[in-house]
Amino acid sequence: DYDVDGGSSAALLIDWLRQMGREATLYIPDRIDEGYGPN
């Protein structure tokens, strides 16, 4: 999600994976064009 909770949640996973030597793809939908949640 595009708010603080979503951004912090994503950053937690990215940080954890990075420390394990891996990178992840981050995707956050545009609030206006895509709206909330998976599409």
Full PDB file with SEQRES, HELIX, SHEET, SSBOND, CRYST1, ORIGX, SCALE, CONECT and MASTER records, all heavy atoms in Angstrom:
SEQRES   1 A   39  ASP TYR ASP VAL ASP GLY GLY SER SER ALA ALA LEU LEU          
SEQRES   2 A   39  ILE ASP TRP LEU ARG GLN MET GLY ARG GLU ALA THR LEU          
SEQRES   3 A   39  TYR ILE PRO ASP ARG ILE ASP GLU GLY TYR GLY PRO ASN          
HELIX    1 AA1 VAL A    4  GLN A   19  1                                  16    
CRYST1    1.000    1.000    1.000  90.00  90.00  90.00 P 1           1          
ORIGX1      1.000000  0.000000  0.000000        0.00000                         
ORIGX2      0.000000  1.000000  0.000000        0.00000                         
ORIGX3      0.000000  0.000000  1.000000        0.00000                         
SCALE1      1.000000  0.000000  0.000000        0.00000                         
SCALE2      0.000000  1.000000  0.000000        0.00000                         
SCALE3      0.000000  0.000000  1.000000        0.00000                         
ATOM      1  N   ASP A   1       0.852  -1.186   0.000  1.00  0.00           N  
ATOM      2  CA  ASP A   1       0.000   0.000   0.000  1.00  0.00           C  
ATOM      3  C   ASP A   1       0.890   1.240   0.000  1.00  0.00           C  
ATOM      4  O   ASP A   1       2.072   1.182   0.342  1.00  0.00           O  
ATOM      5  CB  ASP A   1      -0.909  -0.020   1.235  1.00  0.00           C  
ATOM      6  CG  ASP A   1      -1.946   1.089   1.219  1.00  0.00           C  
ATOM      7  OD1 ASP A   1      -2.233   1.612   0.121  1.00  0.00           O  
ATOM      8  OD2 ASP A   1      -2.461   1.439   2.294  1.00  0.00           O  
ATOM      9  N   TYR A   2       0.297   2.388  -0.357  1.00  0.00           N  
ATOM     10  CA  TYR A   2       1.082   3.600  -0.548  1.00  0.00           C  
ATOM     11  C   TYR A   2       1.186   4.467   0.694  1.00  0.00           C  
ATOM     12  O   TYR A   2       1.677   5.593   0.628  1.00  0.00           O  
ATOM     13  CB  TYR A   2       0.505   4.442  -1.699  1.00  0.00           C  
ATOM     14  CG  TYR A   2      -1.006   4.404  -1.821  1.00  0.00           C  
ATOM     15  CD1 TYR A   2      -1.830   4.885  -0.817  1.00  0.00           C  
ATOM     16  CD2 TYR A   2      -1.609   3.849  -2.945  1.00  0.00           C  
ATOM     17  CE1 TYR A   2      -3.202   4.829  -0.926  1.00  0.00           C  
ATOM     18  CE2 TYR A   2      -2.990   3.794  -3.077  1.00  0.00           C  
ATOM     19  CZ  TYR A   2      -3.776   4.287  -2.065  1.00  0.00           C  
ATOM     20  OH  TYR A   2      -5.148   4.230  -2.166  1.00  0.00           O  
ATOM     21  N   ASP A   3       0.736   3.985   1.855  1.00  0.00           N  
ATOM     22  CA  ASP A   3       0.831   4.819   3.055  1.00  0.00           C  
ATOM     23  C   ASP A   3       2.028   4.415   3.907  1.00  0.00           C  
ATOM     24  O   ASP A   3       2.850   3.583   3.509  1.00  0.00           O  
ATOM     25  CB  ASP A   3      -0.476   4.761   3.854  1.00  0.00           C  
ATOM     26  CG  ASP A   3      -0.728   3.395   4.475  1.00  0.00           C  
ATOM     27  OD1 ASP A   3       0.074   2.461   4.247  1.00  0.00           O  
ATOM     28  OD2 ASP A   3      -1.732   3.257   5.201  1.00  0.00           O  
ATOM     29  N   VAL A   4       2.158   5.006   5.097  1.00  0.00           N  
ATOM     30  CA  VAL A   4       3.303   4.744   5.969  1.00  0.00           C  
ATOM     31  C   VAL A   4       3.375   3.272   6.343  1.00  0.00           C  
ATOM     32  O   VAL A   4       4.449   2.667   6.338  1.00  0.00           O  
ATOM     33  CB  VAL A   4       3.226   5.604   7.248  1.00  0.00           C  
ATOM     34  CG1 VAL A   4       4.402   5.293   8.159  1.00  0.00           C  
ATOM     35  CG2 VAL A   4       3.229   7.081   6.906  1.00  0.00           C  
ATOM     36  N   ASP A   5       2.237   2.675   6.669  1.00  0.00           N  
ATOM     37  CA  ASP A   5       2.218   1.274   7.073  1.00  0.00           C  
ATOM     38  C   ASP A   5       2.678   0.382   5.923  1.00  0.00           C  
ATOM     39  O   ASP A   5       3.492  -0.526   6.115  1.00  0.00           O  
ATOM     40  CB  ASP A   5       0.807   0.887   7.533  1.00  0.00           C  
ATOM     41  CG  ASP A   5       0.767  -0.417   8.313  1.00  0.00           C  
ATOM     42  OD1 ASP A   5       1.852  -0.917   8.695  1.00  0.00           O  
ATOM     43  OD2 ASP A   5      -0.336  -0.930   8.548  1.00  0.00           O  
ATOM     44  N   GLY A   6       2.172   0.645   4.729  1.00  0.00           N  
ATOM     45  CA  GLY A   6       2.593  -0.137   3.577  1.00  0.00           C  
ATOM     46  C   GLY A   6       4.060   0.060   3.260  1.00  0.00           C  
ATOM     47  O   GLY A   6       4.792  -0.902   2.990  1.00  0.00           O  
ATOM     48  N   GLY A   7       4.512   1.314   3.287  1.00  0.00           N  
ATOM     49  CA  GLY A   7       5.911   1.598   2.998  1.00  0.00           C  
ATOM     50  C   GLY A   7       6.845   0.997   4.027  1.00  0.00           C  
ATOM     51  O   GLY A   7       7.907   0.458   3.687  1.00  0.00           O  
ATOM     52  N   SER A   8       6.474   1.078   5.299  1.00  0.00           N  
ATOM     53  CA  SER A   8       7.293   0.491   6.363  1.00  0.00           C  
ATOM     54  C   SER A   8       7.327  -1.032   6.245  1.00  0.00           C  
ATOM     55  O   SER A   8       8.375  -1.659   6.453  1.00  0.00           O  
ATOM     56  CB  SER A   8       6.757   0.898   7.734  1.00  0.00           C  
ATOM     57  OG  SER A   8       6.785   2.295   7.905  1.00  0.00           O  
ATOM     58  N   SER A   9       6.176  -1.621   5.926  1.00  0.00           N  
ATOM     59  CA  SER A   9       6.106  -3.074   5.762  1.00  0.00           C  
ATOM     60  C   SER A   9       7.012  -3.542   4.626  1.00  0.00           C  
ATOM     61  O   SER A   9       7.749  -4.522   4.753  1.00  0.00           O  
ATOM     62  CB  SER A   9       4.660  -3.502   5.479  1.00  0.00           C  
ATOM     63  OG  SER A   9       3.809  -3.182   6.565  1.00  0.00           O  
ATOM     64  N   ALA A  10       6.954  -2.819   3.502  1.00  0.00           N  
ATOM     65  CA  ALA A  10       7.810  -3.157   2.370  1.00  0.00           C  
ATOM     66  C   ALA A  10       9.282  -2.996   2.733  1.00  0.00           C  
ATOM     67  O   ALA A  10      10.120  -3.849   2.398  1.00  0.00           O  
ATOM     68  CB  ALA A  10       7.456  -2.283   1.177  1.00  0.00           C  
ATOM     69  N   ALA A  11       9.601  -1.895   3.443  1.00  0.00           N  
ATOM     70  CA  ALA A  11      10.989  -1.644   3.819  1.00  0.00           C  
ATOM     71  C   ALA A  11      11.513  -2.722   4.767  1.00  0.00           C  
ATOM     72  O   ALA A  11      12.692  -3.101   4.694  1.00  0.00           O  
ATOM     73  CB  ALA A  11      11.115  -0.266   4.461  1.00  0.00           C  
ATOM     74  N   LEU A  12      10.669  -3.229   5.654  1.00  0.00           N  
ATOM     75  CA  LEU A  12      11.072  -4.329   6.532  1.00  0.00           C  
ATOM     76  C   LEU A  12      11.515  -5.545   5.723  1.00  0.00           C  
ATOM     77  O   LEU A  12      12.577  -6.136   5.978  1.00  0.00           O  
ATOM     78  CB  LEU A  12       9.913  -4.724   7.454  1.00  0.00           C  
ATOM     79  CG  LEU A  12       9.657  -3.877   8.687  1.00  0.00           C  
ATOM     80  CD1 LEU A  12       8.306  -4.239   9.305  1.00  0.00           C  
ATOM     81  CD2 LEU A  12      10.765  -4.084   9.714  1.00  0.00           C  
ATOM     82  N   LEU A  13      10.704  -5.934   4.740  1.00  0.00           N  
ATOM     83  CA  LEU A  13      11.035  -7.098   3.925  1.00  0.00           C  
ATOM     84  C   LEU A  13      12.277  -6.844   3.074  1.00  0.00           C  
ATOM     85  O   LEU A  13      13.147  -7.719   2.939  1.00  0.00           O  
ATOM     86  CB  LEU A  13       9.851  -7.465   3.030  1.00  0.00           C  
ATOM     87  CG  LEU A  13       8.619  -8.014   3.748  1.00  0.00           C  
ATOM     88  CD1 LEU A  13       7.463  -8.206   2.757  1.00  0.00           C  
ATOM     89  CD2 LEU A  13       8.934  -9.332   4.449  1.00  0.00           C  
ATOM     90  N   ILE A  14      12.367  -5.653   2.483  1.00  0.00           N  
ATOM     91  CA  ILE A  14      13.526  -5.321   1.645  1.00  0.00           C  
ATOM     92  C   ILE A  14      14.801  -5.340   2.475  1.00  0.00           C  
ATOM     93  O   ILE A  14      15.835  -5.884   2.059  1.00  0.00           O  
ATOM     94  CB  ILE A  14      13.313  -3.944   0.979  1.00  0.00           C  
ATOM     95  CG1 ILE A  14      12.197  -4.035  -0.073  1.00  0.00           C  
ATOM     96  CG2 ILE A  14      14.612  -3.447   0.344  1.00  0.00           C  
ATOM     97  CD1 ILE A  14      11.749  -2.684  -0.606  1.00  0.00           C  
ATOM     98  N   ASP A  15      14.750  -4.743   3.662  1.00  0.00           N  
ATOM     99  CA  ASP A  15      15.908  -4.705   4.565  1.00  0.00           C  
ATOM    100  C   ASP A  15      16.332  -6.130   4.937  1.00  0.00           C  
ATOM    101  O   ASP A  15      17.513  -6.492   4.868  1.00  0.00           O  
ATOM    102  CB  ASP A  15      15.537  -3.897   5.814  1.00  0.00           C  
ATOM    103  CG  ASP A  15      16.733  -3.646   6.727  1.00  0.00           C  
ATOM    104  OD1 ASP A  15      17.847  -4.092   6.412  1.00  0.00           O  
ATOM    105  OD2 ASP A  15      16.549  -2.992   7.781  1.00  0.00           O  
ATOM    106  N   TRP A  16      15.367  -6.952   5.329  1.00  0.00           N  
ATOM    107  CA  TRP A  16      15.660  -8.325   5.748  1.00  0.00           C  
ATOM    108  C   TRP A  16      16.280  -9.119   4.593  1.00  0.00           C  
ATOM    109  O   TRP A  16      17.312  -9.785   4.760  1.00  0.00           O  
ATOM    110  CB  TRP A  16      14.367  -8.999   6.221  1.00  0.00           C  
ATOM    111  CG  TRP A  16      14.546 -10.267   6.997  1.00  0.00           C  
ATOM    112  CD1 TRP A  16      14.582 -10.404   8.347  1.00  0.00           C  
ATOM    113  CD2 TRP A  16      14.686 -11.590   6.458  1.00  0.00           C  
ATOM    114  NE1 TRP A  16      14.725 -11.727   8.694  1.00  0.00           N  
ATOM    115  CE2 TRP A  16      14.791 -12.481   7.550  1.00  0.00           C  
ATOM    116  CE3 TRP A  16      14.722 -12.116   5.173  1.00  0.00           C  
ATOM    117  CZ2 TRP A  16      14.957 -13.848   7.387  1.00  0.00           C  
ATOM    118  CZ3 TRP A  16      14.882 -13.488   5.008  1.00  0.00           C  
ATOM    119  CH2 TRP A  16      14.994 -14.345   6.101  1.00  0.00           C  
ATOM    120  N   LEU A  17      15.676  -9.056   3.427  1.00  0.00           N  
ATOM    121  CA  LEU A  17      16.188  -9.790   2.274  1.00  0.00           C  
ATOM    122  C   LEU A  17      17.566  -9.275   1.866  1.00  0.00           C  
ATOM    123  O   LEU A  17      18.458 -10.071   1.511  1.00  0.00           O  
ATOM    124  CB  LEU A  17      15.213  -9.661   1.100  1.00  0.00           C  
ATOM    125  CG  LEU A  17      13.911 -10.459   1.216  1.00  0.00           C  
ATOM    126  CD1 LEU A  17      12.903 -10.007   0.167  1.00  0.00           C  
ATOM    127  CD2 LEU A  17      14.179 -11.963   1.085  1.00  0.00           C  
ATOM    128  N   ARG A  18      17.762  -7.973   1.928  1.00  0.00           N  
ATOM    129  CA  ARG A  18      19.052  -7.398   1.552  1.00  0.00           C  
ATOM    130  C   ARG A  18      20.162  -7.899   2.470  1.00  0.00           C  
ATOM    131  O   ARG A  18      21.281  -8.195   2.020  1.00  0.00           O  
ATOM    132  CB  ARG A  18      18.939  -5.876   1.590  1.00  0.00           C  
ATOM    133  CG  ARG A  18      20.065  -5.140   0.894  1.00  0.00           C  
ATOM    134  CD  ARG A  18      19.729  -3.657   0.831  1.00  0.00           C  
ATOM    135  NE  ARG A  18      18.837  -3.346  -0.279  1.00  0.00           N  
ATOM    136  CZ  ARG A  18      18.043  -2.283  -0.339  1.00  0.00           C  
ATOM    137  NH1 ARG A  18      18.011  -1.437   0.692  1.00  0.00           N  
ATOM    138  NH2 ARG A  18      17.288  -2.060  -1.389  1.00  0.00           N  
ATOM    139  N   GLN A  19      19.850  -8.006   3.755  1.00  0.00           N  
ATOM    140  CA  GLN A  19      20.843  -8.530   4.695  1.00  0.00           C  
ATOM    141  C   GLN A  19      21.137 -10.011   4.462  1.00  0.00           C  
ATOM    142  O   GLN A  19      22.179 -10.512   4.880  1.00  0.00           O  
ATOM    143  CB  GLN A  19      20.380  -8.309   6.136  1.00  0.00           C  
ATOM    144  CG  GLN A  19      20.352  -6.844   6.551  1.00  0.00           C  
ATOM    145  CD  GLN A  19      20.073  -6.675   8.031  1.00  0.00           C  
ATOM    146  OE1 GLN A  19      20.754  -7.258   8.867  1.00  0.00           O  
ATOM    147  NE2 GLN A  19      19.057  -5.876   8.361  1.00  0.00           N  
ATOM    148  N   MET A  20      20.212 -10.677   3.779  1.00  0.00           N  
ATOM    149  CA  MET A  20      20.432 -12.093   3.414  1.00  0.00           C  
ATOM    150  C   MET A  20      20.995 -12.219   2.000  1.00  0.00           C  
ATOM    151  O   MET A  20      21.042 -13.318   1.435  1.00  0.00           O  
ATOM    152  CB  MET A  20      19.118 -12.863   3.530  1.00  0.00           C  
ATOM    153  CG  MET A  20      18.544 -12.910   4.930  1.00  0.00           C  
ATOM    154  SD  MET A  20      19.575 -13.815   6.113  1.00  0.00           S  
ATOM    155  CE  MET A  20      19.241 -15.514   5.607  1.00  0.00           C  
ATOM    156  N   GLY A  21      21.397 -11.074   1.431  1.00  0.00           N  
ATOM    157  CA  GLY A  21      22.026 -11.107   0.122  1.00  0.00           C  
ATOM    158  C   GLY A  21      21.086 -11.136  -1.062  1.00  0.00           C  
ATOM    159  O   GLY A  21      21.487 -11.514  -2.173  1.00  0.00           O  
ATOM    160  N   ARG A  22      19.841 -10.730  -0.848  1.00  0.00           N  
ATOM    161  CA  ARG A  22      18.860 -10.777  -1.929  1.00  0.00           C  
ATOM    162  C   ARG A  22      18.182  -9.423  -2.104  1.00  0.00           C  
ATOM    163  O   ARG A  22      18.068  -8.651  -1.168  1.00  0.00           O  
ATOM    164  CB  ARG A  22      17.781 -11.830  -1.618  1.00  0.00           C  
ATOM    165  CG  ARG A  22      18.273 -13.268  -1.551  1.00  0.00           C  
ATOM    166  CD  ARG A  22      18.720 -13.767  -2.916  1.00  0.00           C  
ATOM    167  NE  ARG A  22      17.742 -13.482  -3.944  1.00  0.00           N  
ATOM    168  CZ  ARG A  22      16.607 -14.168  -4.117  1.00  0.00           C  
ATOM    169  NH1 ARG A  22      16.334 -15.199  -3.342  1.00  0.00           N  
ATOM    170  NH2 ARG A  22      15.778 -13.845  -5.084  1.00  0.00           N  
ATOM    171  N   GLU A  23      17.722  -9.173  -3.319  1.00  0.00           N  
ATOM    172  CA  GLU A  23      16.934  -7.981  -3.607  1.00  0.00           C  
ATOM    173  C   GLU A  23      15.526  -8.403  -4.018  1.00  0.00           C  
ATOM    174  O   GLU A  23      15.330  -9.508  -4.536  1.00  0.00           O  
ATOM    175  CB  GLU A  23      17.575  -7.166  -4.741  1.00  0.00           C  
ATOM    176  CG  GLU A  23      18.905  -6.516  -4.372  1.00  0.00           C  
ATOM    177  CD  GLU A  23      18.759  -5.375  -3.380  1.00  0.00           C  
ATOM    178  OE1 GLU A  23      17.669  -4.757  -3.334  1.00  0.00           O  
ATOM    179  OE2 GLU A  23      19.732  -5.097  -2.644  1.00  0.00           O  
ATOM    180  N   ALA A  24      14.565  -7.535  -3.781  1.00  0.00           N  
ATOM    181  CA  ALA A  24      13.175  -7.806  -4.169  1.00  0.00           C  
ATOM    182  C   ALA A  24      12.670  -6.661  -5.036  1.00  0.00           C  
ATOM    183  O   ALA A  24      13.165  -5.533  -4.952  1.00  0.00           O  
ATOM    184  CB  ALA A  24      12.297  -7.955  -2.932  1.00  0.00           C  
ATOM    185  N   THR A  25      11.682  -6.948  -5.853  1.00  0.00           N  
ATOM    186  CA  THR A  25      11.031  -5.922  -6.661  1.00  0.00           C  
ATOM    187  C   THR A  25       9.945  -5.246  -5.832  1.00  0.00           C  
ATOM    188  O   THR A  25       9.092  -5.921  -5.255  1.00  0.00           O  
ATOM    189  CB  THR A  25      10.401  -6.542  -7.916  1.00  0.00           C  
ATOM    190  OG1 THR A  25      11.425  -7.151  -8.701  1.00  0.00           O  
ATOM    191  CG2 THR A  25       9.687  -5.479  -8.744  1.00  0.00           C  
ATOM    192  N   LEU A  26       9.984  -3.923  -5.772  1.00  0.00           N  
ATOM    193  CA  LEU A  26       8.967  -3.168  -5.042  1.00  0.00           C  
ATOM    194  C   LEU A  26       7.934  -2.639  -6.020  1.00  0.00           C  
ATOM    195  O   LEU A  26       8.284  -2.039  -7.034  1.00  0.00           O  
ATOM    196  CB  LEU A  26       9.622  -2.001  -4.298  1.00  0.00           C  
ATOM    197  CG  LEU A  26       8.672  -1.001  -3.632  1.00  0.00           C  
ATOM    198  CD1 LEU A  26       7.916  -1.657  -2.480  1.00  0.00           C  
ATOM    199  CD2 LEU A  26       9.453   0.228  -3.128  1.00  0.00           C  
ATOM    200  N   TYR A  27       6.660  -2.874  -5.712  1.00  0.00           N  
ATOM    201  CA  TYR A  27       5.583  -2.313  -6.537  1.00  0.00           C  
ATOM    202  C   TYR A  27       4.552  -1.670  -5.619  1.00  0.00           C  
ATOM    203  O   TYR A  27       3.996  -2.332  -4.730  1.00  0.00           O  
ATOM    204  CB  TYR A  27       4.895  -3.383  -7.383  1.00  0.00           C  
ATOM    205  CG  TYR A  27       3.939  -2.784  -8.403  1.00  0.00           C  
ATOM    206  CD1 TYR A  27       4.359  -2.521  -9.701  1.00  0.00           C  
ATOM    207  CD2 TYR A  27       2.634  -2.446  -8.059  1.00  0.00           C  
ATOM    208  CE1 TYR A  27       3.510  -1.933 -10.635  1.00  0.00           C  
ATOM    209  CE2 TYR A  27       1.767  -1.854  -8.967  1.00  0.00           C  
ATOM    210  CZ  TYR A  27       2.216  -1.610 -10.262  1.00  0.00           C  
ATOM    211  OH  TYR A  27       1.374  -1.025 -11.171  1.00  0.00           O  
ATOM    212  N   ILE A  28       4.326  -0.378  -5.819  1.00  0.00           N  
ATOM    213  CA  ILE A  28       3.307   0.343  -5.066  1.00  0.00           C  
ATOM    214  C   ILE A  28       2.373   0.999  -6.069  1.00  0.00           C  
ATOM    215  O   ILE A  28       2.826   1.742  -6.941  1.00  0.00           O  
ATOM    216  CB  ILE A  28       3.930   1.383  -4.124  1.00  0.00           C  
ATOM    217  CG1 ILE A  28       4.824   0.665  -3.097  1.00  0.00           C  
ATOM    218  CG2 ILE A  28       2.858   2.200  -3.425  1.00  0.00           C  
ATOM    219  CD1 ILE A  28       5.457   1.569  -2.070  1.00  0.00           C  
ATOM    220  N   PRO A  29       1.078   0.726  -6.000  1.00  0.00           N  
ATOM    221  CA  PRO A  29       0.147   1.264  -7.001  1.00  0.00           C  
ATOM    222  C   PRO A  29      -0.015   2.769  -6.883  1.00  0.00           C  
ATOM    223  O   PRO A  29       0.105   3.336  -5.797  1.00  0.00           O  
ATOM    224  CB  PRO A  29      -1.168   0.536  -6.675  1.00  0.00           C  
ATOM    225  CG  PRO A  29      -1.064   0.249  -5.203  1.00  0.00           C  
ATOM    226  CD  PRO A  29       0.381  -0.049  -4.956  1.00  0.00           C  
ATOM    227  N   ASP A  30      -0.284   3.399  -8.003  1.00  0.00           N  
ATOM    228  CA  ASP A  30      -0.580   4.814  -8.006  1.00  0.00           C  
ATOM    229  C   ASP A  30      -1.972   5.044  -7.422  1.00  0.00           C  
ATOM    230  O   ASP A  30      -2.947   4.407  -7.837  1.00  0.00           O  
ATOM    231  CB  ASP A  30      -0.526   5.368  -9.437  1.00  0.00           C  
ATOM    232  CG  ASP A  30      -0.775   6.864  -9.470  1.00  0.00           C  
ATOM    233  OD1 ASP A  30       0.199   7.624  -9.363  1.00  0.00           O  
ATOM    234  OD2 ASP A  30      -1.956   7.255  -9.602  1.00  0.00           O  
ATOM    235  N   ARG A  31      -2.052   5.952  -6.474  1.00  0.00           N  
ATOM    236  CA  ARG A  31      -3.314   6.163  -5.748  1.00  0.00           C  
ATOM    237  C   ARG A  31      -4.453   6.561  -6.683  1.00  0.00           C  
ATOM    238  O   ARG A  31      -5.589   6.104  -6.528  1.00  0.00           O  
ATOM    239  CB  ARG A  31      -3.105   7.243  -4.686  1.00  0.00           C  
ATOM    240  CG  ARG A  31      -4.265   7.394  -3.723  1.00  0.00           C  
ATOM    241  CD  ARG A  31      -3.960   8.471  -2.696  1.00  0.00           C  
ATOM    242  NE  ARG A  31      -4.757   8.243  -1.503  1.00  0.00           N  
ATOM    243  CZ  ARG A  31      -4.257   8.088  -0.269  1.00  0.00           C  
ATOM    244  NH1 ARG A  31      -2.965   8.094  -0.084  1.00  0.00           N  
ATOM    245  NH2 ARG A  31      -5.048   7.905   0.767  1.00  0.00           N  
ATOM    246  N   ILE A  32      -4.157   7.399  -7.670  1.00  0.00           N  
ATOM    247  CA  ILE A  32      -5.202   7.916  -8.549  1.00  0.00           C  
ATOM    248  C   ILE A  32      -5.500   6.943  -9.693  1.00  0.00           C  
ATOM    249  O   ILE A  32      -6.648   6.618  -9.967  1.00  0.00           O  
ATOM    250  CB  ILE A  32      -4.801   9.293  -9.098  1.00  0.00           C  
ATOM    251  CG1 ILE A  32      -4.692  10.291  -7.937  1.00  0.00           C  
ATOM    252  CG2 ILE A  32      -5.813   9.776 -10.130  1.00  0.00           C  
ATOM    253  CD1 ILE A  32      -4.201  11.656  -8.338  1.00  0.00           C  
ATOM    254  N   ASP A  33      -4.460   6.465 -10.373  1.00  0.00           N  
ATOM    255  CA  ASP A  33      -4.661   5.622 -11.545  1.00  0.00           C  
ATOM    256  C   ASP A  33      -5.080   4.198 -11.196  1.00  0.00           C  
ATOM    257  O   ASP A  33      -5.844   3.566 -11.926  1.00  0.00           O  
ATOM    258  CB  ASP A  33      -3.394   5.572 -12.399  1.00  0.00           C  
ATOM    259  CG  ASP A  33      -3.056   6.931 -12.998  1.00  0.00           C  
ATOM    260  OD1 ASP A  33      -3.971   7.769 -13.094  1.00  0.00           O  
ATOM    261  OD2 ASP A  33      -1.880   7.146 -13.350  1.00  0.00           O  
ATOM    262  N   GLU A  34      -4.563   3.659 -10.069  1.00  0.00           N  
ATOM    263  CA  GLU A  34      -4.820   2.258  -9.746  1.00  0.00           C  
ATOM    264  C   GLU A  34      -5.671   2.065  -8.497  1.00  0.00           C  
ATOM    265  O   GLU A  34      -6.277   1.008  -8.322  1.00  0.00           O  
ATOM    266  CB  GLU A  34      -3.488   1.512  -9.562  1.00  0.00           C  
ATOM    267  CG  GLU A  34      -2.615   1.476 -10.807  1.00  0.00           C  
ATOM    268  CD  GLU A  34      -1.278   0.826 -10.532  1.00  0.00           C  
ATOM    269  OE1 GLU A  34      -1.199  -0.417 -10.576  1.00  0.00           O  
ATOM    270  OE2 GLU A  34      -0.310   1.574 -10.258  1.00  0.00           O  
ATOM    271  N   GLY A  35      -5.673   3.044  -7.607  1.00  0.00           N  
ATOM    272  CA  GLY A  35      -6.447   2.896  -6.380  1.00  0.00           C  
ATOM    273  C   GLY A  35      -5.757   2.009  -5.375  1.00  0.00           C  
ATOM    274  O   GLY A  35      -4.612   1.594  -5.541  1.00  0.00           O  
ATOM    275  N   TYR A  36      -6.480   1.706  -4.316  1.00  0.00           N  
ATOM    276  CA  TYR A  36      -5.923   0.925  -3.206  1.00  0.00           C  
ATOM    277  C   TYR A  36      -5.873  -0.560  -3.544  1.00  0.00           C  
ATOM    278  O   TYR A  36      -6.796  -1.111  -4.121  1.00  0.00           O  
ATOM    279  CB  TYR A  36      -6.775   1.131  -1.942  1.00  0.00           C  
ATOM    280  CG  TYR A  36      -6.479   0.135  -0.847  1.00  0.00           C  
ATOM    281  CD1 TYR A  36      -5.368   0.301  -0.028  1.00  0.00           C  
ATOM    282  CD2 TYR A  36      -7.285  -0.983  -0.659  1.00  0.00           C  
ATOM    283  CE1 TYR A  36      -5.068  -0.620   0.964  1.00  0.00           C  
ATOM    284  CE2 TYR A  36      -7.003  -1.906   0.341  1.00  0.00           C  
ATOM    285  CZ  TYR A  36      -5.889  -1.715   1.153  1.00  0.00           C  
ATOM    286  OH  TYR A  36      -5.598  -2.636   2.133  1.00  0.00           O  
ATOM    287  N   GLY A  37      -4.790  -1.200  -3.161  1.00  0.00           N  
ATOM    288  CA  GLY A  37      -4.707  -2.655  -3.214  1.00  0.00           C  
ATOM    289  C   GLY A  37      -4.349  -3.225  -4.570  1.00  0.00           C  
ATOM    290  O   GLY A  37      -4.248  -2.513  -5.573  1.00  0.00           O  
ATOM    291  N   PRO A  38      -4.153  -4.551  -4.617  1.00  0.00           N  
ATOM    292  CA  PRO A  38      -3.790  -5.224  -5.863  1.00  0.00           C  
ATOM    293  C   PRO A  38      -4.844  -5.027  -6.948  1.00  0.00           C  
ATOM    294  O   PRO A  38      -6.043  -5.002  -6.671  1.00  0.00           O  
ATOM    295  CB  PRO A  38      -3.699  -6.694  -5.450  1.00  0.00           C  
ATOM    296  CG  PRO A  38      -3.394  -6.666  -3.990  1.00  0.00           C  
ATOM    297  CD  PRO A  38      -4.138  -5.472  -3.462  1.00  0.00           C  
ATOM    298  N   ASN A  39      -4.366  -4.885  -8.191  1.00  0.00           N  
ATOM    299  CA  ASN A  39      -5.257  -4.835  -9.350  1.00  0.00           C  
ATOM    300  C   ASN A  39      -4.785  -5.876 -10.359  1.00  0.00           C  
ATOM    301  O   ASN A  39      -3.616  -6.306 -10.339  1.00  0.00           O  
ATOM    302  CB  ASN A  39      -5.288  -3.434  -9.964  1.00  0.00           C  
ATOM    303  CG  ASN A  39      -3.913  -2.959 -10.398  1.00  0.00           C  
ATOM    304  OD1 ASN A  39      -3.445  -3.305 -11.473  1.00  0.00           O  
ATOM    305  ND2 ASN A  39      -3.244  -2.160  -9.550  1.00  0.00           N  
TER     306      ASN A  39                                                      
MASTER        0    0    0    1    0    0    0    6  305    1    0    3          
END                                                                             
